[in-house]
């Protein structure tokens, strides 16, 4: 299990424990994942097709122009 910080478009931020692996990461964002940036020891993961899927803009992430739910994961937990 790994801990991630889930950032929703409505501004809510929650820590969540998930299974390590691609399927659990895709479930959080609702589709294919993409690395949107590195912030210290954290990696910002987003939905790769967020714009194409017309997901709501998420201004609560440390990166501008993210669409949909995103999450921060520790770099060492990326597998």
Protein backbone atom coordinates (compact mmCIF):
# COMPACT_ATOMS: atom_id res chain seq x y z
CA UNK A 1 0.00 0.00 0.00
CA UNK A 2 1.11 3.54 -0.72
CA UNK A 3 -0.28 6.91 0.36
CA UNK A 4 -1.24 9.55 -2.21
CA UNK A 5 -2.72 13.03 -1.86
CA UNK A 6 -5.82 13.26 -4.09
CA UNK A 7 -6.68 16.75 -5.36
CA UNK A 8 -10.24 17.18 -6.65
CA UNK A 9 -11.40 20.01 -8.97
CA UNK A 10 -13.73 21.25 -6.19
CA UNK A 11 -10.70 21.96 -3.99
CA UNK A 12 -11.00 19.01 -1.64
CA UNK A 13 -7.70 17.32 -0.85
CA UNK A 14 -7.59 13.90 0.80
CA UNK A 15 -4.87 11.43 1.63
CA UNK A 16 -5.73 7.97 0.44
CA UNK A 17 -4.01 4.59 0.67
CA UNK A 18 -4.00 2.63 -2.57
CA UNK A 19 -2.41 -0.53 -3.89
CA UNK A 20 0.85 0.13 -5.67
CA UNK A 21 0.43 -0.18 -9.42
CA UNK A 22 -1.00 1.27 -12.59
CA UNK A 23 -4.60 0.07 -12.17
CA UNK A 24 -5.06 1.85 -8.83
CA UNK A 25 -3.55 5.07 -10.21
CA UNK A 26 -5.81 4.97 -13.28
CA UNK A 27 -8.84 4.45 -11.06
CA UNK A 28 -8.14 7.70 -9.17
CA UNK A 29 -7.96 9.87 -12.30
CA UNK A 30 -10.57 7.94 -14.28
CA UNK A 31 -8.40 6.95 -17.23
CA UNK A 32 -4.88 6.87 -18.59
CA UNK A 33 -2.29 8.54 -16.36
CA UNK A 34 0.34 11.11 -17.23
CA UNK A 35 3.09 12.72 -15.17
CA UNK A 36 2.40 16.47 -15.12
CA UNK A 37 5.38 17.55 -13.04
CA UNK A 38 7.82 16.94 -10.22
CA UNK A 39 7.58 18.93 -7.00
CA UNK A 40 10.41 18.16 -4.62
CA UNK A 41 9.98 14.50 -3.75
CA UNK A 42 6.45 14.32 -5.18
CA UNK A 43 5.13 13.52 -8.65
CA UNK A 44 1.86 15.04 -9.92
CA UNK A 45 -0.23 12.45 -11.79
CA UNK A 46 -3.20 13.49 -13.95
CA UNK A 47 -5.62 12.06 -16.50
CA UNK A 48 -3.79 12.05 -19.84
CA UNK A 49 -7.02 12.78 -21.71
CA UNK A 50 -8.54 15.24 -19.23
CA UNK A 51 -8.90 18.00 -21.82
CA UNK A 52 -10.32 15.67 -24.48
CA UNK A 53 -12.81 14.26 -21.95
CA UNK A 54 -13.84 17.83 -21.04
CA UNK A 55 -13.12 17.24 -17.35
CA UNK A 56 -13.42 20.30 -15.09
CA UNK A 57 -10.34 22.49 -14.66
CA UNK A 58 -8.49 21.75 -11.43
CA UNK A 59 -6.84 24.99 -10.29
CA UNK A 60 -5.99 23.47 -6.91
CA UNK A 61 -2.94 21.55 -8.18
CA UNK A 62 0.59 22.96 -8.19
CA UNK A 63 0.46 22.96 -12.02
CA UNK A 64 -1.80 25.20 -14.12
CA UNK A 65 -4.27 23.85 -16.67
CA UNK A 66 -4.96 20.43 -15.14
CA UNK A 67 -8.36 18.92 -15.96
CA UNK A 68 -10.02 16.47 -13.59
CA UNK A 69 -8.84 14.72 -10.46
CA UNK A 70 -5.09 14.64 -9.87
CA UNK A 71 -2.87 13.22 -7.17
CA UNK A 72 0.57 13.62 -5.67
CA UNK A 73 2.64 10.52 -5.03
CA UNK A 74 6.11 10.18 -3.52
CA UNK A 75 8.71 9.70 -6.25
CA UNK A 76 9.99 6.51 -4.59
CA UNK A 77 6.46 5.02 -4.72
CA UNK A 78 6.29 5.29 -8.54
CA UNK A 79 6.63 1.76 -9.88
